[in-house]
Amino acid sequence: MQSTKGAIVEASVQKISAIFPKKPPGLRFNETDALIVKAKTPEGLNASATFYFSLKPDGSFDENAMGSRVVQGRRHKLASFLRYYRIADNIKEFKFNECSSELMGREVEIVSDGGDAAIYVP
């Protein structure tokens, strides 16, 4: 596995119903939104990461909301991503609708294995 640096070129919050005609198996009823992050290295390698969660009406999300361990794990993964890349110091106050533009240009680690690449999430 090889690790390189890249920059976020696109980030958006979308409703799962806008992405998929039918909710995929494995996603629970309380996972209604997705943060889709795309990054690119200077060499031209593309990588992406998708985080599923439930957006609150004020634009934030609750890392410790009720749900199965799988759902909580996905929320912790998103919170870990936001903390690791110093996008949000306080997860409870981070507003996705207002701050998604702040993600553009942020440096992230991209791991690749042959032809596949992904954004590193601790």
PDB file of N, CA and C in Angstrom:
ATOM      1  N   MET A   1       0.828  -1.180   0.000  1.00  0.00           N
ATOM      2  CA  MET A   1       0.000   0.000   0.000  1.00  0.00           C
ATOM      3  C   MET A   1       0.867   1.236   0.000  1.00  0.00           C
ATOM      4  N   GLN A   2       0.440   2.199  -0.763  1.00  0.00           N
ATOM      5  CA  GLN A   2       1.202   3.429  -0.933  1.00  0.00           C
ATOM      6  C   GLN A   2       0.348   4.608  -0.487  1.00  0.00           C
ATOM      7  N   SER A   3       0.968   5.539   0.229  1.00  0.00           N
ATOM      8  CA  SER A   3       0.248   6.719   0.706  1.00  0.00           C
ATOM      9  C   SER A   3       0.821   7.967   0.054  1.00  0.00           C
ATOM     10  N   THR A   4      -0.066   8.819  -0.449  1.00  0.00           N
ATOM     11  CA  THR A   4       0.337  10.094  -1.034  1.00  0.00           C
ATOM     12  C   THR A   4      -0.593  11.190  -0.534  1.00  0.00           C
ATOM     13  N   LYS A   5      -0.202  12.416  -0.754  1.00  0.00           N
ATOM     14  CA  LYS A   5      -1.034  13.557  -0.373  1.00  0.00           C
ATOM     15  C   LYS A   5      -1.868  13.998  -1.568  1.00  0.00           C
ATOM     16  N   GLY A   6      -3.060  14.474  -1.281  1.00  0.00           N
ATOM     17  CA  GLY A   6      -3.940  14.993  -2.315  1.00  0.00           C
ATOM     18  C   GLY A   6      -4.777  16.116  -1.739  1.00  0.00           C
ATOM     19  N   ALA A   7      -5.547  16.752  -2.590  1.00  0.00           N
ATOM     20  CA  ALA A   7      -6.406  17.854  -2.156  1.00  0.00           C
ATOM     21  C   ALA A   7      -7.856  17.526  -2.493  1.00  0.00           C
ATOM     22  N   ILE A   8      -8.752  17.944  -1.614  1.00  0.00           N
ATOM     23  CA  ILE A   8     -10.175  17.738  -1.852  1.00  0.00           C
ATOM     24  C   ILE A   8     -10.606  18.675  -2.981  1.00  0.00           C
ATOM     25  N   VAL A   9     -11.217  18.101  -4.010  1.00  0.00           N
ATOM     26  CA  VAL A   9     -11.671  18.901  -5.150  1.00  0.00           C
ATOM     27  C   VAL A   9     -13.188  19.039  -5.187  1.00  0.00           C
ATOM     28  N   GLU A  10     -13.879  18.167  -4.468  1.00  0.00           N
ATOM     29  CA  GLU A  10     -15.344  18.232  -4.453  1.00  0.00           C
ATOM     30  C   GLU A  10     -15.854  17.627  -3.153  1.00  0.00           C
ATOM     31  N   ALA A  11     -16.819  18.284  -2.540  1.00  0.00           N
ATOM     32  CA  ALA A  11     -17.461  17.789  -1.325  1.00  0.00           C
ATOM     33  C   ALA A  11     -18.900  18.252  -1.327  1.00  0.00           C
ATOM     34  N   SER A  12     -19.807  17.323  -1.097  1.00  0.00           N
ATOM     35  CA  SER A  12     -21.224  17.696  -1.073  1.00  0.00           C
ATOM     36  C   SER A  12     -22.003  16.783  -0.145  1.00  0.00           C
ATOM     37  N   VAL A  13     -23.057  17.339   0.426  1.00  0.00           N
ATOM     38  CA  VAL A  13     -23.990  16.572   1.237  1.00  0.00           C
ATOM     39  C   VAL A  13     -25.227  16.350   0.391  1.00  0.00           C
ATOM     40  N   GLN A  14     -25.621  15.092   0.252  1.00  0.00           N
ATOM     41  CA  GLN A  14     -26.781  14.757  -0.569  1.00  0.00           C
ATOM     42  C   GLN A  14     -27.704  13.820   0.192  1.00  0.00           C
ATOM     43  N   LYS A  15     -28.971  13.888  -0.149  1.00  0.00           N
ATOM     44  CA  LYS A  15     -29.941  12.944   0.389  1.00  0.00           C
ATOM     45  C   LYS A  15     -29.689  11.583  -0.246  1.00  0.00           C
ATOM     46  N   ILE A  16     -29.812  10.540   0.535  1.00  0.00           N
ATOM     47  CA  ILE A  16     -29.612   9.191   0.002  1.00  0.00           C
ATOM     48  C   ILE A  16     -30.644   8.891  -1.071  1.00  0.00           C
ATOM     49  N   SER A  17     -31.848   9.431  -0.921  1.00  0.00           N
ATOM     50  CA  SER A  17     -32.897   9.208  -1.922  1.00  0.00           C
ATOM     51  C   SER A  17     -32.545   9.857  -3.259  1.00  0.00           C
ATOM     52  N   ALA A  18     -31.674  10.854  -3.254  1.00  0.00           N
ATOM     53  CA  ALA A  18     -31.245  11.491  -4.500  1.00  0.00           C
ATOM     54  C   ALA A  18     -30.125  10.703  -5.173  1.00  0.00           C
ATOM     55  N   ILE A  19     -29.412   9.899  -4.402  1.00  0.00           N
ATOM     56  CA  ILE A  19     -28.304   9.109  -4.937  1.00  0.00           C
ATOM     57  C   ILE A  19     -28.789   7.758  -5.461  1.00  0.00           C
ATOM     58  N   PHE A  20     -29.625   7.107  -4.662  1.00  0.00           N
ATOM     59  CA  PHE A  20     -30.109   5.766  -4.991  1.00  0.00           C
ATOM     60  C   PHE A  20     -31.627   5.780  -5.162  1.00  0.00           C
ATOM     61  N   PRO A  21     -32.165   5.079  -6.166  1.00  0.00           N
ATOM     62  CA  PRO A  21     -33.625   5.014  -6.305  1.00  0.00           C
ATOM     63  C   PRO A  21     -34.270   4.251  -5.139  1.00  0.00           C
ATOM     64  N   LYS A  22     -33.533   3.272  -4.604  1.00  0.00           N
ATOM     65  CA  LYS A  22     -33.998   2.508  -3.451  1.00  0.00           C
ATOM     66  C   LYS A  22     -32.835   2.414  -2.474  1.00  0.00           C
ATOM     67  N   LYS A  23     -33.108   2.611  -1.188  1.00  0.00           N
ATOM     68  CA  LYS A  23     -32.037   2.606  -0.189  1.00  0.00           C
ATOM     69  C   LYS A  23     -31.309   1.259  -0.216  1.00  0.00           C
ATOM     70  N   PRO A  24     -29.988   1.284  -0.321  1.00  0.00           N
ATOM     71  CA  PRO A  24     -29.219   0.036  -0.384  1.00  0.00           C
ATOM     72  C   PRO A  24     -29.351  -0.793   0.892  1.00  0.00           C
ATOM     73  N   PRO A  25     -29.236  -2.101   0.768  1.00  0.00           N
ATOM     74  CA  PRO A  25     -29.260  -2.939   1.962  1.00  0.00           C
ATOM     75  C   PRO A  25     -28.101  -2.560   2.880  1.00  0.00           C
ATOM     76  N   GLY A  26     -28.329  -2.601   4.159  1.00  0.00           N
ATOM     77  CA  GLY A  26     -27.288  -2.252   5.115  1.00  0.00           C
ATOM     78  C   GLY A  26     -27.435  -0.857   5.678  1.00  0.00           C
ATOM     79  N   LEU A  27     -28.049   0.053   4.931  1.00  0.00           N
ATOM     80  CA  LEU A  27     -28.286   1.389   5.463  1.00  0.00           C
ATOM     81  C   LEU A  27     -29.585   1.368   6.262  1.00  0.00           C
ATOM     82  N   ARG A  28     -29.562   1.955   7.418  1.00  0.00           N
ATOM     83  CA  ARG A  28     -30.724   1.946   8.298  1.00  0.00           C
ATOM     84  C   ARG A  28     -31.631   3.136   8.019  1.00  0.00           C
ATOM     85  N   PHE A  29     -32.819   3.111   8.630  1.00  0.00           N
ATOM     86  CA  PHE A  29     -33.803   4.171   8.400  1.00  0.00           C
ATOM     87  C   PHE A  29     -33.315   5.515   8.900  1.00  0.00           C
ATOM     88  N   ASN A  30     -32.423   5.513   9.916  1.00  0.00           N
ATOM     89  CA  ASN A  30     -31.939   6.777  10.456  1.00  0.00           C
ATOM     90  C   ASN A  30     -30.675   7.272   9.759  1.00  0.00           C
ATOM     91  N   GLU A  31     -30.310   6.696   8.627  1.00  0.00           N
ATOM     92  CA  GLU A  31     -29.225   7.200   7.801  1.00  0.00           C
ATOM     93  C   GLU A  31     -29.862   7.769   6.538  1.00  0.00           C
ATOM     94  N   THR A  32     -29.992   9.086   6.512  1.00  0.00           N
ATOM     95  CA  THR A  32     -30.747   9.727   5.439  1.00  0.00           C
ATOM     96  C   THR A  32     -29.896  10.582   4.510  1.00  0.00           C
ATOM     97  N   ASP A  33     -28.656  10.868   4.915  1.00  0.00           N
ATOM     98  CA  ASP A  33     -27.803  11.758   4.140  1.00  0.00           C
ATOM     99  C   ASP A  33     -26.427  11.137   3.931  1.00  0.00           C
ATOM    100  N   ALA A  34     -25.717  11.668   2.956  1.00  0.00           N
ATOM    101  CA  ALA A  34     -24.368  11.193   2.661  1.00  0.00           C
ATOM    102  C   ALA A  34     -23.458  12.378   2.374  1.00  0.00           C
ATOM    103  N   LEU A  35     -22.266  12.333   2.940  1.00  0.00           N
ATOM    104  CA  LEU A  35     -21.218  13.289   2.609  1.00  0.00           C
ATOM    105  C   LEU A  35     -20.305  12.589   1.616  1.00  0.00           C
ATOM    106  N   ILE A  36     -20.192  13.146   0.431  1.00  0.00           N
ATOM    107  CA  ILE A  36     -19.355  12.562  -0.616  1.00  0.00           C
ATOM    108  C   ILE A  36     -18.165  13.490  -0.816  1.00  0.00           C
ATOM    109  N   VAL A  37     -16.973  12.945  -0.606  1.00  0.00           N
ATOM    110  CA  VAL A  37     -15.736  13.709  -0.704  1.00  0.00           C
ATOM    111  C   VAL A  37     -14.880  13.097  -1.809  1.00  0.00           C
ATOM    112  N   LYS A  38     -14.429  13.940  -2.734  1.00  0.00           N
ATOM    113  CA  LYS A  38     -13.554  13.492  -3.819  1.00  0.00           C
ATOM    114  C   LYS A  38     -12.258  14.279  -3.746  1.00  0.00           C
ATOM    115  N   ALA A  39     -11.146  13.561  -3.923  1.00  0.00           N
ATOM    116  CA  ALA A  39      -9.830  14.193  -3.845  1.00  0.00           C
ATOM    117  C   ALA A  39      -8.987  13.759  -5.032  1.00  0.00           C
ATOM    118  N   LYS A  40      -7.945  14.547  -5.290  1.00  0.00           N
ATOM    119  CA  LYS A  40      -7.060  14.274  -6.419  1.00  0.00           C
ATOM    120  C   LYS A  40      -5.628  14.592  -6.024  1.00  0.00           C
ATOM    121  N   THR A  41      -4.695  13.749  -6.442  1.00  0.00           N
ATOM    122  CA  THR A  41      -3.279  13.989  -6.195  1.00  0.00           C
ATOM    123  C   THR A  41      -2.707  14.833  -7.326  1.00  0.00           C
ATOM    124  N   PRO A  42      -1.546  15.438  -7.116  1.00  0.00           N
ATOM    125  CA  PRO A  42      -0.908  16.187  -8.210  1.00  0.00           C
ATOM    126  C   PRO A  42      -0.582  15.302  -9.417  1.00  0.00           C
ATOM    127  N   GLU A  43      -0.415  14.000  -9.182  1.00  0.00           N
ATOM    128  CA  GLU A  43      -0.127  13.066 -10.277  1.00  0.00           C
ATOM    129  C   GLU A  43      -1.382  12.681 -11.060  1.00  0.00           C
ATOM    130  N   GLY A  44      -2.555  13.086 -10.571  1.00  0.00           N
ATOM    131  CA  GLY A  44      -3.799  12.810 -11.274  1.00  0.00           C
ATOM    132  C   GLY A  44      -4.578  11.627 -10.749  1.00  0.00           C
ATOM    133  N   LEU A  45      -4.162  11.039  -9.629  1.00  0.00           N
ATOM    134  CA  LEU A  45      -4.873   9.906  -9.029  1.00  0.00           C
ATOM    135  C   LEU A  45      -6.115  10.415  -8.306  1.00  0.00           C
ATOM    136  N   ASN A  46      -7.276   9.839  -8.605  1.00  0.00           N
ATOM    137  CA  ASN A  46      -8.541  10.237  -7.986  1.00  0.00           C
ATOM    138  C   ASN A  46      -8.921   9.265  -6.880  1.00  0.00           C
ATOM    139  N   ALA A  47      -9.491   9.800  -5.806  1.00  0.00           N
ATOM    140  CA  ALA A  47      -9.955   8.986  -4.695  1.00  0.00           C
ATOM    141  C   ALA A  47     -11.220   9.623  -4.134  1.00  0.00           C
ATOM    142  N   SER A  48     -12.020   8.811  -3.463  1.00  0.00           N
ATOM    143  CA  SER A  48     -13.236   9.351  -2.864  1.00  0.00           C
ATOM    144  C   SER A  48     -13.573   8.597  -1.584  1.00  0.00           C
ATOM    145  N   ALA A  49     -14.453   9.200  -0.798  1.00  0.00           N
ATOM    146  CA  ALA A  49     -14.967   8.587   0.420  1.00  0.00           C
ATOM    147  C   ALA A  49     -16.411   9.051   0.585  1.00  0.00           C
ATOM    148  N   THR A  50     -17.263   8.140   1.024  1.00  0.00           N
ATOM    149  CA  THR A  50     -18.669   8.455   1.264  1.00  0.00           C
ATOM    150  C   THR A  50     -18.992   8.109   2.702  1.00  0.00           C
ATOM    151  N   PHE A  51     -19.610   9.047   3.399  1.00  0.00           N
ATOM    152  CA  PHE A  51     -19.974   8.874   4.795  1.00  0.00           C
ATOM    153  C   PHE A  51     -21.489   9.000   4.913  1.00  0.00           C
ATOM    154  N   TYR A  52     -22.140   8.007   5.524  1.00  0.00           N
ATOM    155  CA  TYR A  52     -23.589   8.017   5.696  1.00  0.00           C
ATOM    156  C   TYR A  52     -23.916   8.418   7.122  1.00  0.00           C
ATOM    157  N   PHE A  53     -24.925   9.288   7.258  1.00  0.00           N
ATOM    158  CA  PHE A  53     -25.318   9.794   8.563  1.00  0.00           C
ATOM    159  C   PHE A  53     -26.706  10.412   8.454  1.00  0.00           C
ATOM    160  N   SER A  54     -27.168  10.994   9.532  1.00  0.00           N
ATOM    161  CA  SER A  54     -28.451  11.687   9.537  1.00  0.00           C
ATOM    162  C   SER A  54     -28.208  13.153   9.877  1.00  0.00           C
ATOM    163  N   LEU A  55     -28.557  14.013   8.963  1.00  0.00           N
ATOM    164  CA  LEU A  55     -28.364  15.448   9.134  1.00  0.00           C
ATOM    165  C   LEU A  55     -29.516  16.014   9.955  1.00  0.00           C
ATOM    166  N   LYS A  56     -29.182  16.774  10.984  1.00  0.00           N
ATOM    167  CA  LYS A  56     -30.207  17.409  11.793  1.00  0.00           C
ATOM    168  C   LYS A  56     -30.722  18.655  11.071  1.00  0.00           C
ATOM    169  N   PRO A  57     -31.884  19.182  11.433  1.00  0.00           N
ATOM    170  CA  PRO A  57     -32.438  20.351  10.748  1.00  0.00           C
ATOM    171  C   PRO A  57     -31.532  21.582  10.758  1.00  0.00           C
ATOM    172  N   ASP A  58     -30.675  21.706  11.768  1.00  0.00           N
ATOM    173  CA  ASP A  58     -29.781  22.872  11.829  1.00  0.00           C
ATOM    174  C   ASP A  58     -28.508  22.682  11.004  1.00  0.00           C
ATOM    175  N   GLY A  59     -28.347  21.526  10.341  1.00  0.00           N
ATOM    176  CA  GLY A  59     -27.186  21.298   9.484  1.00  0.00           C
ATOM    177  C   GLY A  59     -26.057  20.548  10.150  1.00  0.00           C
ATOM    178  N   SER A  60     -26.224  20.154  11.406  1.00  0.00           N
ATOM    179  CA  SER A  60     -25.191  19.413  12.116  1.00  0.00           C
ATOM    180  C   SER A  60     -25.592  17.938  12.224  1.00  0.00           C
ATOM    181  N   PHE A  61     -24.743  17.141  12.865  1.00  0.00           N
ATOM    182  CA  PHE A  61     -25.110  15.758  13.118  1.00  0.00           C
ATOM    183  C   PHE A  61     -24.641  15.367  14.512  1.00  0.00           C
ATOM    184  N   ASP A  62     -25.274  14.348  15.072  1.00  0.00           N
ATOM    185  CA  ASP A  62     -24.955  13.876  16.410  1.00  0.00           C
ATOM    186  C   ASP A  62     -24.154  12.592  16.283  1.00  0.00           C
ATOM    187  N   GLU A  63     -22.918  12.634  16.741  1.00  0.00           N
ATOM    188  CA  GLU A  63     -22.046  11.466  16.641  1.00  0.00           C
ATOM    189  C   GLU A  63     -22.548  10.308  17.497  1.00  0.00           C
ATOM    190  N   ASN A  64     -23.204  10.600  18.599  1.00  0.00           N
ATOM    191  CA  ASN A  64     -23.619   9.554  19.537  1.00  0.00           C
ATOM    192  C   ASN A  64     -25.123   9.333  19.559  1.00  0.00           C
ATOM    193  N   ALA A  65     -25.808   9.562  18.457  1.00  0.00           N
ATOM    194  CA  ALA A  65     -27.254   9.343  18.397  1.00  0.00           C
ATOM    195  C   ALA A  65     -27.557   7.854  18.500  1.00  0.00           C
ATOM    196  N   MET A  66     -28.796   7.553  18.805  1.00  0.00           N
ATOM    197  CA  MET A  66     -29.206   6.157  18.942  1.00  0.00           C
ATOM    198  C   MET A  66     -29.096   5.440  17.613  1.00  0.00           C
ATOM    199  N   GLY A  67     -28.875   4.147  17.696  1.00  0.00           N
ATOM    200  CA  GLY A  67     -28.773   3.330  16.501  1.00  0.00           C
ATOM    201  C   GLY A  67     -27.958   2.083  16.800  1.00  0.00           C
ATOM    202  N   SER A  68     -27.914   1.196  15.837  1.00  0.00           N
ATOM    203  CA  SER A  68     -27.145  -0.026  16.019  1.00  0.00           C
ATOM    204  C   SER A  68     -25.656   0.294  16.050  1.00  0.00           C
ATOM    205  N   ARG A  69     -24.859  -0.688  16.407  1.00  0.00           N
ATOM    206  CA  ARG A  69     -23.404  -0.486  16.459  1.00  0.00           C
ATOM    207  C   ARG A  69     -22.839  -0.161  15.084  1.00  0.00           C
ATOM    208  N   VAL A  70     -23.435  -0.722  14.049  1.00  0.00           N
ATOM    209  CA  VAL A  70     -22.980  -0.450  12.687  1.00  0.00           C
ATOM    210  C   VAL A  70     -23.210   1.018  12.345  1.00  0.00           C
ATOM    211  N   VAL A  71     -24.379   1.530  12.671  1.00  0.00           N
ATOM    212  CA  VAL A  71     -24.713   2.931  12.405  1.00  0.00           C
ATOM    213  C   VAL A  71     -23.802   3.841  13.227  1.00  0.00           C
ATOM    214  N   GLN A  72     -23.606   3.506  14.491  1.00  0.00           N
ATOM    215  CA  GLN A  72     -22.726   4.310  15.336  1.00  0.00           C
ATOM    216  C   GLN A  72     -21.292   4.272  14.813  1.00  0.00           C
ATOM    217  N   GLY A  73     -20.874   3.143  14.308  1.00  0.00           N
ATOM    218  CA  GLY A  73     -19.539   3.030  13.728  1.00  0.00           C
ATOM    219  C   GLY A  73     -19.363   3.945  12.524  1.00  0.00           C
ATOM    220  N   ARG A  74     -20.386   4.020  11.682  1.00  0.00           N
ATOM    221  CA  ARG A  74     -20.310   4.919  10.519  1.00  0.00           C
ATOM    222  C   ARG A  74     -20.254   6.380  10.952  1.00  0.00           C
ATOM    223  N   ARG A  75     -20.993   6.738  12.001  1.00  0.00           N
ATOM    224  CA  ARG A  75     -20.954   8.113  12.508  1.00  0.00           C
ATOM    225  C   ARG A  75     -19.590   8.440  13.106  1.00  0.00           C
ATOM    226  N   HIS A  76     -19.024   7.482  13.844  1.00  0.00           N
ATOM    227  CA  HIS A  76     -17.701   7.704  14.429  1.00  0.00           C
ATOM    228  C   HIS A  76     -16.642   7.831  13.338  1.00  0.00           C
ATOM    229  N   LYS A  77     -16.820   7.110  12.252  1.00  0.00           N
ATOM    230  CA  LYS A  77     -15.889   7.202  11.125  1.00  0.00           C
ATOM    231  C   LYS A  77     -15.921   8.617  10.525  1.00  0.00           C
ATOM    232  N   LEU A  78     -17.119   9.178  10.365  1.00  0.00           N
ATOM    233  CA  LEU A  78     -17.248  10.546   9.862  1.00  0.00           C
ATOM    234  C   LEU A  78     -16.625  11.536  10.839  1.00  0.00           C
ATOM    235  N   ALA A  79     -16.904  11.383  12.125  1.00  0.00           N
ATOM    236  CA  ALA A  79     -16.336  12.278  13.132  1.00  0.00           C
ATOM    237  C   ALA A  79     -14.811  12.155  13.157  1.00  0.00           C
ATOM    238  N   SER A  80     -14.299  10.951  13.017  1.00  0.00           N
ATOM    239  CA  SER A  80     -12.862  10.737  12.983  1.00  0.00           C
ATOM    240  C   SER A  80     -12.230  11.427  11.779  1.00  0.00           C
ATOM    241  N   PHE A  81     -12.886  11.367  10.631  1.00  0.00           N
ATOM    242  CA  PHE A  81     -12.421  12.047   9.422  1.00  0.00           C
ATOM    243  C   PHE A  81     -12.349  13.555   9.661  1.00  0.00           C
ATOM    244  N   LEU A  82     -13.401  14.122  10.233  1.00  0.00           N
ATOM    245  CA  LEU A  82     -13.459  15.566  10.473  1.00  0.00           C
ATOM    246  C   LEU A  82     -12.397  16.014  11.467  1.00  0.00           C
ATOM    247  N   ARG A  83     -12.128  15.205  12.489  1.00  0.00           N
ATOM    248  CA  ARG A  83     -11.117  15.560  13.486  1.00  0.00           C
ATOM    249  C   ARG A  83      -9.698  15.361  12.948  1.00  0.00           C
ATOM    250  N   TYR A  84      -9.455  14.245  12.275  1.00  0.00           N
ATOM    251  CA  TYR A  84      -8.112  13.905  11.805  1.00  0.00           C
ATOM    252  C   TYR A  84      -7.562  14.954  10.841  1.00  0.00           C
ATOM    253  N   TYR A  85      -8.405  15.431   9.949  1.00  0.00           N
ATOM    254  CA  TYR A  85      -7.964  16.441   8.986  1.00  0.00           C
ATOM    255  C   TYR A  85      -8.216  17.863   9.475  1.00  0.00           C
ATOM    256  N   ARG A  86      -8.565  18.009  10.742  1.00  0.00           N
ATOM    257  CA  ARG A  86      -8.795  19.303  11.392  1.00  0.00           C
ATOM    258  C   ARG A  86      -9.816  20.158  10.648  1.00  0.00           C
ATOM    259  N   ILE A  87     -10.849  19.512  10.205  1.00  0.00           N
ATOM    260  CA  ILE A  87     -11.940  20.212   9.523  1.00  0.00           C
ATOM    261  C   ILE A  87     -12.881  20.804  10.561  1.00  0.00           C
ATOM    262  N   ALA A  88     -13.086  20.055  11.647  1.00  0.00           N
ATOM    263  CA  ALA A  88     -13.973  20.518  12.712  1.00  0.00           C
ATOM    264  C   ALA A  88     -13.344  20.210  14.066  1.00  0.00           C
ATOM    265  N   ASP A  89     -13.222  21.223  14.901  1.00  0.00           N
ATOM    266  CA  ASP A  89     -12.717  21.005  16.259  1.00  0.00           C
ATOM    267  C   ASP A  89     -13.837  20.492  17.154  1.00  0.00           C
ATOM    268  N   ASN A  90     -15.013  21.076  16.995  1.00  0.00           N
ATOM    269  CA  ASN A  90     -16.172  20.665  17.777  1.00  0.00           C
ATOM    270  C   ASN A  90     -17.203  20.078  16.818  1.00  0.00           C
ATOM    271  N   ILE A  91     -17.381  18.779  16.858  1.00  0.00           N
ATOM    272  CA  ILE A  91     -18.274  18.083  15.934  1.00  0.00           C
ATOM    273  C   ILE A  91     -19.715  18.551  16.100  1.00  0.00           C
ATOM    274  N   LYS A  92     -20.150  18.819  17.315  1.00  0.00           N
ATOM    275  CA  LYS A  92     -21.539  19.218  17.553  1.00  0.00           C
ATOM    276  C   LYS A  92     -21.882  20.564  16.923  1.00  0.00           C
ATOM    277  N   GLU A  93     -20.887  21.425  16.739  1.00  0.00           N
ATOM    278  CA  GLU A  93     -21.132  22.750  16.189  1.00  0.00           C
ATOM    279  C   GLU A  93     -20.848  22.848  14.695  1.00  0.00           C
ATOM    280  N   PHE A  94     -20.323  21.783  14.094  1.00  0.00           N
ATOM    281  CA  PHE A  94     -19.995  21.802  12.674  1.00  0.00           C
ATOM    282  C   PHE A  94     -21.278  21.723  11.856  1.00  0.00           C
ATOM    283  N   LYS A  95     -21.503  22.701  11.000  1.00  0.00           N
ATOM    284  CA  LYS A  95     -22.701  22.753  10.157  1.00  0.00           C
ATOM    285  C   LYS A  95     -22.317  22.369   8.730  1.00  0.00           C
ATOM    286  N   PHE A  96     -22.807  21.218   8.275  1.00  0.00           N
ATOM    287  CA  PHE A  96     -22.448  20.701   6.957  1.00  0.00           C
ATOM    288  C   PHE A  96     -22.911  21.624   5.834  1.00  0.00           C
ATOM    289  N   ASN A  97     -24.096  22.179   5.955  1.00  0.00           N
ATOM    290  CA  ASN A  97     -24.628  23.035   4.893  1.00  0.00           C
ATOM    291  C   ASN A  97     -23.800  24.302   4.716  1.00  0.00           C
ATOM    292  N   GLU A  98     -23.272  24.837   5.800  1.00  0.00           N
ATOM    293  CA  GLU A  98     -22.509  26.075   5.742  1.00  0.00           C
ATOM    294  C   GLU A  98     -21.025  25.839   5.465  1.00  0.00           C
ATOM    295  N   CYS A  99     -20.491  24.702   5.904  1.00  0.00           N
ATOM    296  CA  CYS A  99     -19.047  24.492   5.900  1.00  0.00           C
ATOM    297  C   CYS A  99     -18.541  23.522   4.836  1.00  0.00           C
ATOM    298  N   SER A 100     -19.400  22.991   3.996  1.00  0.00           N
ATOM    299  CA  SER A 100     -18.904  22.041   2.995  1.00  0.00           C
ATOM    300  C   SER A 100     -17.962  22.710   1.999  1.00  0.00           C
ATOM    301  N   SER A 101     -18.125  24.008   1.789  1.00  0.00           N
ATOM    302  CA  SER A 101     -17.212  24.721   0.889  1.00  0.00           C
ATOM    303  C   SER A 101     -15.818  24.857   1.502  1.00  0.00           C
ATOM    304  N   GLU A 102     -15.727  24.800   2.837  1.00  0.00           N
ATOM    305  CA  GLU A 102     -14.431  24.874   3.508  1.00  0.00           C
ATOM    306  C   GLU A 102     -13.578  23.636   3.249  1.00  0.00           C
ATOM    307  N   LEU A 103     -14.195  22.557   2.842  1.00  0.00           N
ATOM    308  CA  LEU A 103     -13.461  21.324   2.580  1.00  0.00           C
ATOM    309  C   LEU A 103     -12.607  21.418   1.321  1.00  0.00           C
ATOM    310  N   MET A 104     -13.016  22.255   0.381  1.00  0.00           N
ATOM    311  CA  MET A 104     -12.294  22.368  -0.892  1.00  0.00           C
ATOM    312  C   MET A 104     -10.852  22.809  -0.654  1.00  0.00           C
ATOM    313  N   GLY A 105      -9.932  22.086  -1.262  1.00  0.00           N
ATOM    314  CA  GLY A 105      -8.525  22.429  -1.163  1.00  0.00           C
ATOM    315  C   GLY A 105      -7.807  21.860   0.046  1.00  0.00           C
ATOM    316  N   ARG A 106      -8.539  21.265   0.986  1.00  0.00           N
ATOM    317  CA  ARG A 106      -7.909  20.667   2.160  1.00  0.00           C
ATOM    318  C   ARG A 106      -7.031  19.499   1.743  1.00  0.00           C
ATOM    319  N   GLU A 107      -5.902  19.375   2.385  1.00  0.00           N
ATOM    320  CA  GLU A 107      -4.992  18.275   2.082  1.00  0.00           C
ATOM    321  C   GLU A 107      -5.434  17.028   2.835  1.00  0.00           C
ATOM    322  N   VAL A 108      -5.486  15.895   2.124  1.00  0.00           N
ATOM    323  CA  VAL A 108      -5.846  14.608   2.706  1.00  0.00           C
ATOM    324  C   VAL A 108      -4.822  13.569   2.262  1.00  0.00           C
ATOM    325  N   GLU A 109      -4.797  12.457   2.981  1.00  0.00           N
ATOM    326  CA  GLU A 109      -3.937  11.341   2.615  1.00  0.00           C
ATOM    327  C   GLU A 109      -4.732  10.398   1.716  1.00  0.00           C
ATOM    328  N   ILE A 110      -4.108   9.970   0.661  1.00  0.00           N
ATOM    329  CA  ILE A 110      -4.736   9.032  -0.260  1.00  0.00           C
ATOM    330  C   ILE A 110      -3.893   7.765  -0.282  1.00  0.00           C
ATOM    331  N   VAL A 111      -4.529   6.643   0.002  1.00  0.00           N
ATOM    332  CA  VAL A 111      -3.842   5.357  -0.035  1.00  0.00           C
ATOM    333  C   VAL A 111      -4.269   4.627  -1.297  1.00  0.00           C
ATOM    334  N   SER A 112      -3.290   4.005  -1.939  1.00  0.00           N
ATOM    335  CA  SER A 112      -3.597   3.285  -3.175  1.00  0.00           C
ATOM    336  C   SER A 112      -2.960   1.904  -3.133  1.00  0.00           C
ATOM    337  N   ASP A 113      -3.636   0.979  -3.752  1.00  0.00           N
ATOM    338  CA  ASP A 113      -3.163  -0.392  -3.861  1.00  0.00           C
ATOM    339  C   ASP A 113      -3.343  -0.802  -5.310  1.00  0.00           C
ATOM    340  N   GLY A 114      -2.327  -0.610  -6.095  1.00  0.00           N
ATOM    341  CA  GLY A 114      -2.462  -0.898  -7.513  1.00  0.00           C
ATOM    342  C   GLY A 114      -3.250   0.207  -8.195  1.00  0.00           C
ATOM    343  N   GLY A 115      -4.417  -0.124  -8.727  1.00  0.00           N
ATOM    344  CA  GLY A 115      -5.233   0.854  -9.436  1.00  0.00           C
ATOM    345  C   GLY A 115      -6.287   1.517  -8.575  1.00  0.00           C
ATOM    346  N   ASP A 116      -6.628   0.926  -7.420  1.00  0.00           N
ATOM    347  CA  ASP A 116      -7.660   1.486  -6.561  1.00  0.00           C
ATOM    348  C   ASP A 116      -7.069   2.488  -5.584  1.00  0.00           C
ATOM    349  N   ALA A 117      -7.818   3.547  -5.316  1.00  0.00           N
ATOM    350  CA  ALA A 117      -7.367   4.570  -4.367  1.00  0.00           C
ATOM    351  C   ALA A 117      -8.535   4.988  -3.486  1.00  0.00           C
ATOM    352  N   ALA A 118      -8.221   5.356  -2.255  1.00  0.00           N
ATOM    353  CA  ALA A 118      -9.238   5.802  -1.312  1.00  0.00           C
ATOM    354  C   ALA A 118      -8.651   6.870  -0.397  1.00  0.00           C
ATOM    355  N   ILE A 119      -9.500   7.701   0.128  1.00  0.00           N
ATOM    356  CA  ILE A 119      -9.089   8.709   1.102  1.00  0.00           C
ATOM    357  C   ILE A 119      -8.908   7.987   2.430  1.00  0.00           C
ATOM    358  N   TYR A 120      -7.769   8.215   3.075  1.00  0.00           N
ATOM    359  CA  TYR A 120      -7.493   7.567   4.350  1.00  0.00           C
ATOM    360  C   TYR A 120      -8.376   8.152   5.436  1.00  0.00           C
ATOM    361  N   VAL A 121      -9.045   7.245   6.155  1.00  0.00           N
ATOM    362  CA  VAL A 121      -9.873   7.625   7.292  1.00  0.00           C
ATOM    363  C   VAL A 121      -9.404   6.794   8.476  1.00  0.00           C
ATOM    364  N   PRO A 122      -8.882   7.445   9.539  1.00  0.00           N
ATOM    365  CA  PRO A 122      -8.351   6.685  10.690  1.00  0.00           C
ATOM    366  C   PRO A 122      -9.439   5.951  11.453  1.00  0.00           C
TER     367      PRO A 122
END
